[in-house]
Every structure is written in C-alpha cells, then in structure tokens.
Amino acid sequence: VDIDWEFPGQKGLNNTNRPEDKVSCTAFLAEARAALDDAGKTAGKRYLLTMATGTNNSWLEHTEMDKVQASLDFVNLMSYDLYGAW
C-alpha cells in the first residue's frame, strides 16, 4: 500500500491546512502498519507500506518522519518538489 498524503499540515491545492495533521499522519501510518501486519499473519504474507513524500524542509517540518519511518518499508521521494538556484 502506497500512501500519498500530499501536504500534511500545509496548504495545498484543494487541501485544508490542519496543524494536527502532523501527529495524525504518524498515528494513521502506525495503525495502517498494524492492520497490514495482522492481515499478513492471517494470509501468511508480508504486506508493504510505503509513502510518497515531499523533499523540502517545509514538508519535514510538518511531519514526524523520525517516528513515521518505523511504520514504513520504503519512502518514495517526489522529485518534482525539488527546487533551487542551480
């Protein structure tokens, strides 16, 4: 399962800016991990949980990646968020 929560806690196109998204994202992913692990035990399989993430500091400031990473198998970086003066 790949989660694509575009802008947790941030403004975005058709997105409500909710500061509580920072902890909600962490809780959601922990619950998803637990559910996938339970389903995997029943099916005798290991289900992957991944997340597409932004790459800028603002994205990191509005998430708890230090906690979130424990629930994920992979983090997919959305490279279209890269910018700079190069």
PDB file of N, CA and C in Angstrom:
ATOM      1  N   VAL A   1       0.859  -1.165   0.000  1.00  0.00           N
ATOM      2  CA  VAL A   1       0.000   0.000   0.000  1.00  0.00           C
ATOM      3  C   VAL A   1       0.905   1.227   0.000  1.00  0.00           C
ATOM      4  N   ASP A   2       0.682   2.122  -0.958  1.00  0.00           N
ATOM      5  CA  ASP A   2       1.459   3.364  -1.022  1.00  0.00           C
ATOM      6  C   ASP A   2       0.556   4.529  -0.629  1.00  0.00           C
ATOM      7  N   ILE A   3       0.958   5.254   0.385  1.00  0.00           N
ATOM      8  CA  ILE A   3       0.209   6.407   0.872  1.00  0.00           C
ATOM      9  C   ILE A   3       0.777   7.660   0.219  1.00  0.00           C
ATOM     10  N   ASP A   4      -0.096   8.483  -0.328  1.00  0.00           N
ATOM     11  CA  ASP A   4       0.323   9.739  -0.952  1.00  0.00           C
ATOM     12  C   ASP A   4      -0.466  10.881  -0.302  1.00  0.00           C
ATOM     13  N   TRP A   5      -0.063  11.240   0.898  1.00  0.00           N
ATOM     14  CA  TRP A   5      -0.694  12.335   1.638  1.00  0.00           C
ATOM     15  C   TRP A   5       0.102  13.574   1.266  1.00  0.00           C
ATOM     16  N   GLU A   6      -0.371  14.299   0.299  1.00  0.00           N
ATOM     17  CA  GLU A   6       0.398  15.370  -0.339  1.00  0.00           C
ATOM     18  C   GLU A   6       0.984  16.417   0.606  1.00  0.00           C
ATOM     19  N   PHE A   7       0.168  17.012   1.425  1.00  0.00           N
ATOM     20  CA  PHE A   7       0.661  18.137   2.219  1.00  0.00           C
ATOM     21  C   PHE A   7       0.174  18.071   3.664  1.00  0.00           C
ATOM     22  N   PRO A   8       0.641  17.128   4.474  1.00  0.00           N
ATOM     23  CA  PRO A   8       0.173  17.088   5.857  1.00  0.00           C
ATOM     24  C   PRO A   8       0.489  18.403   6.581  1.00  0.00           C
ATOM     25  N   GLY A   9      -0.539  19.023   7.139  1.00  0.00           N
ATOM     26  CA  GLY A   9      -0.350  20.249   7.908  1.00  0.00           C
ATOM     27  C   GLY A   9       0.024  21.473   7.109  1.00  0.00           C
ATOM     28  N   GLN A  10      -0.083  21.409   5.790  1.00  0.00           N
ATOM     29  CA  GLN A  10       0.325  22.527   4.939  1.00  0.00           C
ATOM     30  C   GLN A  10      -0.794  22.898   3.972  1.00  0.00           C
ATOM     31  N   LYS A  11      -0.672  24.082   3.423  1.00  0.00           N
ATOM     32  CA  LYS A  11      -1.594  24.499   2.372  1.00  0.00           C
ATOM     33  C   LYS A  11      -1.222  23.781   1.086  1.00  0.00           C
ATOM     34  N   GLY A  12      -2.235  23.453   0.315  1.00  0.00           N
ATOM     35  CA  GLY A  12      -2.027  22.816  -0.972  1.00  0.00           C
ATOM     36  C   GLY A  12      -3.300  22.937  -1.781  1.00  0.00           C
ATOM     37  N   LEU A  13      -3.226  22.567  -3.031  1.00  0.00           N
ATOM     38  CA  LEU A  13      -4.379  22.630  -3.916  1.00  0.00           C
ATOM     39  C   LEU A  13      -5.515  21.786  -3.348  1.00  0.00           C
ATOM     40  N   ASN A  14      -6.658  22.417  -3.111  1.00  0.00           N
ATOM     41  CA  ASN A  14      -7.836  21.739  -2.554  1.00  0.00           C
ATOM     42  C   ASN A  14      -7.529  21.015  -1.246  1.00  0.00           C
ATOM     43  N   ASN A  15      -6.667  21.587  -0.434  1.00  0.00           N
ATOM     44  CA  ASN A  15      -6.234  20.968   0.805  1.00  0.00           C
ATOM     45  C   ASN A  15      -6.526  21.895   1.976  1.00  0.00           C
ATOM     46  N   THR A  16      -7.075  21.348   3.035  1.00  0.00           N
ATOM     47  CA  THR A  16      -7.311  22.120   4.244  1.00  0.00           C
ATOM     48  C   THR A  16      -6.050  22.104   5.093  1.00  0.00           C
ATOM     49  N   ASN A  17      -5.613  23.265   5.545  1.00  0.00           N
ATOM     50  CA  ASN A  17      -4.418  23.379   6.371  1.00  0.00           C
ATOM     51  C   ASN A  17      -4.789  23.057   7.815  1.00  0.00           C
ATOM     52  N   ARG A  18      -4.341  21.890   8.303  1.00  0.00           N
ATOM     53  CA  ARG A  18      -4.663  21.475   9.664  1.00  0.00           C
ATOM     54  C   ARG A  18      -3.377  21.108  10.398  1.00  0.00           C
ATOM     55  N   PRO A  19      -2.988  21.900  11.376  1.00  0.00           N
ATOM     56  CA  PRO A  19      -1.754  21.613  12.116  1.00  0.00           C
ATOM     57  C   PRO A  19      -1.737  20.221  12.759  1.00  0.00           C
ATOM     58  N   GLU A  20      -2.914  19.704  13.134  1.00  0.00           N
ATOM     59  CA  GLU A  20      -2.962  18.384  13.772  1.00  0.00           C
ATOM     60  C   GLU A  20      -2.605  17.253  12.811  1.00  0.00           C
ATOM     61  N   ASP A  21      -2.497  17.551  11.518  1.00  0.00           N
ATOM     62  CA  ASP A  21      -2.093  16.531  10.547  1.00  0.00           C
ATOM     63  C   ASP A  21      -0.711  15.963  10.864  1.00  0.00           C
ATOM     64  N   LYS A  22       0.130  16.745  11.520  1.00  0.00           N
ATOM     65  CA  LYS A  22       1.482  16.277  11.839  1.00  0.00           C
ATOM     66  C   LYS A  22       1.414  14.987  12.655  1.00  0.00           C
ATOM     67  N   VAL A  23       0.633  14.992  13.723  1.00  0.00           N
ATOM     68  CA  VAL A  23       0.516  13.794  14.558  1.00  0.00           C
ATOM     69  C   VAL A  23      -0.498  12.803  13.984  1.00  0.00           C
ATOM     70  N   SER A  24      -1.491  13.299  13.259  1.00  0.00           N
ATOM     71  CA  SER A  24      -2.482  12.406  12.650  1.00  0.00           C
ATOM     72  C   SER A  24      -1.837  11.505  11.606  1.00  0.00           C
ATOM     73  N   CYS A  25      -0.914  12.047  10.848  1.00  0.00           N
ATOM     74  CA  CYS A  25      -0.200  11.272   9.829  1.00  0.00           C
ATOM     75  C   CYS A  25       0.576  10.134  10.493  1.00  0.00           C
ATOM     76  N   THR A  26       1.260  10.446  11.580  1.00  0.00           N
ATOM     77  CA  THR A  26       2.021   9.438  12.314  1.00  0.00           C
ATOM     78  C   THR A  26       1.101   8.339  12.834  1.00  0.00           C
ATOM     79  N   ALA A  27      -0.012   8.743  13.450  1.00  0.00           N
ATOM     80  CA  ALA A  27      -0.960   7.772  14.007  1.00  0.00           C
ATOM     81  C   ALA A  27      -1.592   6.918  12.911  1.00  0.00           C
ATOM     82  N   PHE A  28      -1.975   7.549  11.805  1.00  0.00           N
ATOM     83  CA  PHE A  28      -2.583   6.823  10.690  1.00  0.00           C
ATOM     84  C   PHE A  28      -1.644   5.744  10.161  1.00  0.00           C
ATOM     85  N   LEU A  29      -0.379   6.103   9.962  1.00  0.00           N
ATOM     86  CA  LEU A  29       0.572   5.139   9.414  1.00  0.00           C
ATOM     87  C   LEU A  29       0.854   4.007  10.396  1.00  0.00           C
ATOM     88  N   ALA A  30       0.902   4.303  11.685  1.00  0.00           N
ATOM     89  CA  ALA A  30       1.101   3.253  12.690  1.00  0.00           C
ATOM     90  C   ALA A  30      -0.082   2.284  12.688  1.00  0.00           C
ATOM     91  N   GLU A  31      -1.293   2.824  12.573  1.00  0.00           N
ATOM     92  CA  GLU A  31      -2.490   1.973  12.518  1.00  0.00           C
ATOM     93  C   GLU A  31      -2.528   1.152  11.232  1.00  0.00           C
ATOM     94  N   ALA A  32      -2.135   1.772  10.124  1.00  0.00           N
ATOM     95  CA  ALA A  32      -2.089   1.047   8.847  1.00  0.00           C
ATOM     96  C   ALA A  32      -1.070  -0.087   8.919  1.00  0.00           C
ATOM     97  N   ARG A  33       0.097   0.189   9.509  1.00  0.00           N
ATOM     98  CA  ARG A  33       1.131  -0.845   9.660  1.00  0.00           C
ATOM     99  C   ARG A  33       0.602  -2.012  10.483  1.00  0.00           C
ATOM    100  N   ALA A  34      -0.068  -1.712  11.599  1.00  0.00           N
ATOM    101  CA  ALA A  34      -0.612  -2.764  12.461  1.00  0.00           C
ATOM    102  C   ALA A  34      -1.662  -3.591  11.721  1.00  0.00           C
ATOM    103  N   ALA A  35      -2.525  -2.929  10.965  1.00  0.00           N
ATOM    104  CA  ALA A  35      -3.566  -3.634  10.209  1.00  0.00           C
ATOM    105  C   ALA A  35      -2.953  -4.523   9.130  1.00  0.00           C
ATOM    106  N   LEU A  36      -1.942  -4.019   8.439  1.00  0.00           N
ATOM    107  CA  LEU A  36      -1.288  -4.822   7.401  1.00  0.00           C
ATOM    108  C   LEU A  36      -0.547  -6.007   8.011  1.00  0.00           C
ATOM    109  N   ASP A  37       0.073  -5.795   9.166  1.00  0.00           N
ATOM    110  CA  ASP A  37       0.760  -6.902   9.838  1.00  0.00           C
ATOM    111  C   ASP A  37      -0.233  -7.977  10.267  1.00  0.00           C
ATOM    112  N   ASP A  38      -1.384  -7.560  10.800  1.00  0.00           N
ATOM    113  CA  ASP A  38      -2.417  -8.526  11.193  1.00  0.00           C
ATOM    114  C   ASP A  38      -2.936  -9.297   9.982  1.00  0.00           C
ATOM    115  N   ALA A  39      -3.202  -8.582   8.897  1.00  0.00           N
ATOM    116  CA  ALA A  39      -3.681  -9.235   7.673  1.00  0.00           C
ATOM    117  C   ALA A  39      -2.625 -10.186   7.125  1.00  0.00           C
ATOM    118  N   GLY A  40      -1.377  -9.790   7.220  1.00  0.00           N
ATOM    119  CA  GLY A  40      -0.290 -10.627   6.740  1.00  0.00           C
ATOM    120  C   GLY A  40      -0.153 -11.922   7.525  1.00  0.00           C
ATOM    121  N   LYS A  41      -0.368 -11.848   8.833  1.00  0.00           N
ATOM    122  CA  LYS A  41      -0.306 -13.063   9.660  1.00  0.00           C
ATOM    123  C   LYS A  41      -1.393 -14.045   9.241  1.00  0.00           C
ATOM    124  N   THR A  42      -2.574 -13.519   8.984  1.00  0.00           N
ATOM    125  CA  THR A  42      -3.695 -14.362   8.562  1.00  0.00           C
ATOM    126  C   THR A  42      -3.423 -15.000   7.201  1.00  0.00           C
ATOM    127  N   ALA A  43      -2.853 -14.211   6.290  1.00  0.00           N
ATOM    128  CA  ALA A  43      -2.621 -14.680   4.917  1.00  0.00           C
ATOM    129  C   ALA A  43      -1.272 -15.364   4.737  1.00  0.00           C
ATOM    130  N   GLY A  44      -0.413 -15.292   5.753  1.00  0.00           N
ATOM    131  CA  GLY A  44       0.925 -15.859   5.616  1.00  0.00           C
ATOM    132  C   GLY A  44       1.801 -15.056   4.671  1.00  0.00           C
ATOM    133  N   LYS A  45       1.573 -13.740   4.640  1.00  0.00           N
ATOM    134  CA  LYS A  45       2.318 -12.853   3.742  1.00  0.00           C
ATOM    135  C   LYS A  45       2.838 -11.644   4.509  1.00  0.00           C
ATOM    136  N   ARG A  46       3.720 -10.922   3.877  1.00  0.00           N
ATOM    137  CA  ARG A  46       4.203  -9.639   4.413  1.00  0.00           C
ATOM    138  C   ARG A  46       3.753  -8.560   3.448  1.00  0.00           C
ATOM    139  N   TYR A  47       2.931  -7.644   3.931  1.00  0.00           N
ATOM    140  CA  TYR A  47       2.441  -6.551   3.101  1.00  0.00           C
ATOM    141  C   TYR A  47       3.304  -5.316   3.317  1.00  0.00           C
ATOM    142  N   LEU A  48       3.674  -4.667   2.211  1.00  0.00           N
ATOM    143  CA  LEU A  48       4.496  -3.461   2.281  1.00  0.00           C
ATOM    144  C   LEU A  48       3.636  -2.231   2.513  1.00  0.00           C
ATOM    145  N   LEU A  49       4.188  -1.299   3.278  1.00  0.00           N
ATOM    146  CA  LEU A  49       3.575   0.011   3.465  1.00  0.00           C
ATOM    147  C   LEU A  49       4.621   1.044   3.082  1.00  0.00           C
ATOM    148  N   THR A  50       4.295   1.861   2.098  1.00  0.00           N
ATOM    149  CA  THR A  50       5.213   2.890   1.622  1.00  0.00           C
ATOM    150  C   THR A  50       4.499   4.234   1.624  1.00  0.00           C
ATOM    151  N   MET A  51       5.288   5.287   1.486  1.00  0.00           N
ATOM    152  CA  MET A  51       4.708   6.629   1.454  1.00  0.00           C
ATOM    153  C   MET A  51       5.480   7.497   0.475  1.00  0.00           C
ATOM    154  N   ALA A  52       4.742   8.227  -0.347  1.00  0.00           N
ATOM    155  CA  ALA A  52       5.340   9.240  -1.218  1.00  0.00           C
ATOM    156  C   ALA A  52       5.440  10.523  -0.404  1.00  0.00           C
ATOM    157  N   THR A  53       6.625  11.115  -0.371  1.00  0.00           N
ATOM    158  CA  THR A  53       6.831  12.302   0.464  1.00  0.00           C
ATOM    159  C   THR A  53       7.426  13.445  -0.331  1.00  0.00           C
ATOM    160  N   GLY A  54       7.263  14.637   0.207  1.00  0.00           N
ATOM    161  CA  GLY A  54       7.931  15.810  -0.336  1.00  0.00           C
ATOM    162  C   GLY A  54       9.403  15.776   0.034  1.00  0.00           C
ATOM    163  N   THR A  55      10.154  16.674  -0.549  1.00  0.00           N
ATOM    164  CA  THR A  55      11.600  16.682  -0.308  1.00  0.00           C
ATOM    165  C   THR A  55      12.100  17.993   0.280  1.00  0.00           C
ATOM    166  N   ASN A  56      11.204  18.910   0.561  1.00  0.00           N
ATOM    167  CA  ASN A  56      11.670  20.204   1.071  1.00  0.00           C
ATOM    168  C   ASN A  56      11.555  20.270   2.594  1.00  0.00           C
ATOM    169  N   ASN A  57      12.195  21.274   3.183  1.00  0.00           N
ATOM    170  CA  ASN A  57      12.194  21.424   4.635  1.00  0.00           C
ATOM    171  C   ASN A  57      10.797  21.628   5.189  1.00  0.00           C
ATOM    172  N   SER A  58       9.952  22.328   4.463  1.00  0.00           N
ATOM    173  CA  SER A  58       8.590  22.569   4.927  1.00  0.00           C
ATOM    174  C   SER A  58       7.854  21.251   5.128  1.00  0.00           C
ATOM    175  N   TRP A  59       8.030  20.321   4.209  1.00  0.00           N
ATOM    176  CA  TRP A  59       7.388  19.014   4.337  1.00  0.00           C
ATOM    177  C   TRP A  59       7.879  18.319   5.598  1.00  0.00           C
ATOM    178  N   LEU A  60       9.178  18.368   5.834  1.00  0.00           N
ATOM    179  CA  LEU A  60       9.749  17.709   7.011  1.00  0.00           C
ATOM    180  C   LEU A  60       9.299  18.370   8.311  1.00  0.00           C
ATOM    181  N   GLU A  61       9.129  19.687   8.290  1.00  0.00           N
ATOM    182  CA  GLU A  61       8.686  20.409   9.482  1.00  0.00           C
ATOM    183  C   GLU A  61       7.247  20.068   9.857  1.00  0.00           C
ATOM    184  N   HIS A  62       6.457  19.622   8.896  1.00  0.00           N
ATOM    185  CA  HIS A  62       5.043  19.340   9.139  1.00  0.00           C
ATOM    186  C   HIS A  62       4.740  17.847   9.279  1.00  0.00           C
ATOM    187  N   THR A  63       5.776  17.039   9.412  1.00  0.00           N
ATOM    188  CA  THR A  63       5.603  15.605   9.635  1.00  0.00           C
ATOM    189  C   THR A  63       6.552  15.165  10.747  1.00  0.00           C
ATOM    190  N   GLU A  64       6.378  13.956  11.185  1.00  0.00           N
ATOM    191  CA  GLU A  64       7.263  13.372  12.197  1.00  0.00           C
ATOM    192  C   GLU A  64       7.998  12.185  11.573  1.00  0.00           C
ATOM    193  N   MET A  65       8.831  12.481  10.590  1.00  0.00           N
ATOM    194  CA  MET A  65       9.492  11.406   9.852  1.00  0.00           C
ATOM    195  C   MET A  65      10.350  10.532  10.755  1.00  0.00           C
ATOM    196  N   ASP A  66      10.866  11.080  11.844  1.00  0.00           N
ATOM    197  CA  ASP A  66      11.654  10.266  12.766  1.00  0.00           C
ATOM    198  C   ASP A  66      10.802   9.155  13.381  1.00  0.00           C
ATOM    199  N   LYS A  67       9.503   9.398  13.532  1.00  0.00           N
ATOM    200  CA  LYS A  67       8.581   8.388  14.061  1.00  0.00           C
ATOM    201  C   LYS A  67       7.912   7.597  12.938  1.00  0.00           C
ATOM    202  N   VAL A  68       7.554   8.283  11.873  1.00  0.00           N
ATOM    203  CA  VAL A  68       6.837   7.669  10.750  1.00  0.00           C
ATOM    204  C   VAL A  68       7.645   6.546  10.112  1.00  0.00           C
ATOM    205  N   GLN A  69       8.942   6.735  10.002  1.00  0.00           N
ATOM    206  CA  GLN A  69       9.760   5.752   9.296  1.00  0.00           C
ATOM    207  C   GLN A  69       9.691   4.361   9.925  1.00  0.00           C
ATOM    208  N   ALA A  70       9.365   4.267  11.205  1.00  0.00           N
ATOM    209  CA  ALA A  70       9.252   2.965  11.860  1.00  0.00           C
ATOM    210  C   ALA A  70       8.081   2.150  11.301  1.00  0.00           C
ATOM    211  N   SER A  71       7.092   2.818  10.737  1.00  0.00           N
ATOM    212  CA  SER A  71       5.913   2.137  10.193  1.00  0.00           C
ATOM    213  C   SER A  71       6.055   1.784   8.721  1.00  0.00           C
ATOM    214  N   LEU A  72       7.051   2.350   8.051  1.00  0.00           N
ATOM    215  CA  LEU A  72       7.161   2.232   6.594  1.00  0.00           C
ATOM    216  C   LEU A  72       8.254   1.261   6.167  1.00  0.00           C
ATOM    217  N   ASP A  73       8.019   0.613   5.021  1.00  0.00           N
ATOM    218  CA  ASP A  73       9.046  -0.219   4.406  1.00  0.00           C
ATOM    219  C   ASP A  73       9.934   0.599   3.477  1.00  0.00           C
ATOM    220  N   PHE A  74       9.326   1.567   2.795  1.00  0.00           N
ATOM    221  CA  PHE A  74      10.048   2.444   1.874  1.00  0.00           C
ATOM    222  C   PHE A  74       9.460   3.842   1.941  1.00  0.00           C
ATOM    223  N   VAL A  75      10.304   4.831   1.656  1.00  0.00           N
ATOM    224  CA  VAL A  75       9.855   6.215   1.486  1.00  0.00           C
ATOM    225  C   VAL A  75      10.199   6.604   0.057  1.00  0.00           C
ATOM    226  N   ASN A  76       9.195   6.985  -0.714  1.00  0.00           N
ATOM    227  CA  ASN A  76       9.394   7.387  -2.105  1.00  0.00           C
ATOM    228  C   ASN A  76       9.411   8.911  -2.183  1.00  0.00           C
ATOM    229  N   LEU A  77      10.520   9.475  -2.615  1.00  0.00           N
ATOM    230  CA  LEU A  77      10.660  10.926  -2.693  1.00  0.00           C
ATOM    231  C   LEU A  77      10.056  11.460  -3.982  1.00  0.00           C
ATOM    232  N   MET A  78       9.169  12.430  -3.849  1.00  0.00           N
ATOM    233  CA  MET A  78       8.558  13.065  -5.024  1.00  0.00           C
ATOM    234  C   MET A  78       9.532  14.124  -5.529  1.00  0.00           C
ATOM    235  N   SER A  79      10.197  13.825  -6.614  1.00  0.00           N
ATOM    236  CA  SER A  79      11.272  14.697  -7.090  1.00  0.00           C
ATOM    237  C   SER A  79      10.784  15.988  -7.721  1.00  0.00           C
ATOM    238  N   TYR A  80       9.502  16.101  -8.027  1.00  0.00           N
ATOM    239  CA  TYR A  80       9.030  17.357  -8.605  1.00  0.00           C
ATOM    240  C   TYR A  80       8.966  18.464  -7.556  1.00  0.00           C
ATOM    241  N   ASP A  81       9.191  18.132  -6.283  1.00  0.00           N
ATOM    242  CA  ASP A  81       9.238  19.147  -5.233  1.00  0.00           C
ATOM    243  C   ASP A  81      10.633  19.748  -5.068  1.00  0.00           C
ATOM    244  N   LEU A  82      11.595  19.289  -5.847  1.00  0.00           N
ATOM    245  CA  LEU A  82      12.950  19.828  -5.748  1.00  0.00           C
ATOM    246  C   LEU A  82      13.014  21.200  -6.404  1.00  0.00           C
ATOM    247  N   TYR A  83      13.722  22.101  -5.775  1.00  0.00           N
ATOM    248  CA  TYR A  83      13.882  23.430  -6.366  1.00  0.00           C
ATOM    249  C   TYR A  83      15.180  24.035  -5.843  1.00  0.00           C
ATOM    250  N   GLY A  84      15.651  25.057  -6.504  1.00  0.00           N
ATOM    251  CA  GLY A  84      16.874  25.718  -6.062  1.00  0.00           C
ATOM    252  C   GLY A  84      17.393  26.666  -7.116  1.00  0.00           C
ATOM    253  N   ALA A  85      18.530  27.261  -6.820  1.00  0.00           N
ATOM    254  CA  ALA A  85      19.141  28.249  -7.720  1.00  0.00           C
ATOM    255  C   ALA A  85      20.345  27.647  -8.433  1.00  0.00           C
ATOM    256  N   TRP A  86      20.158  26.484  -9.043  1.00  0.00           N
ATOM    257  CA  TRP A  86      21.272  25.873  -9.763  1.00  0.00           C
ATOM    258  C   TRP A  86      21.142  26.043 -11.243  1.00  0.00           C
TER     259      TRP A  86
END
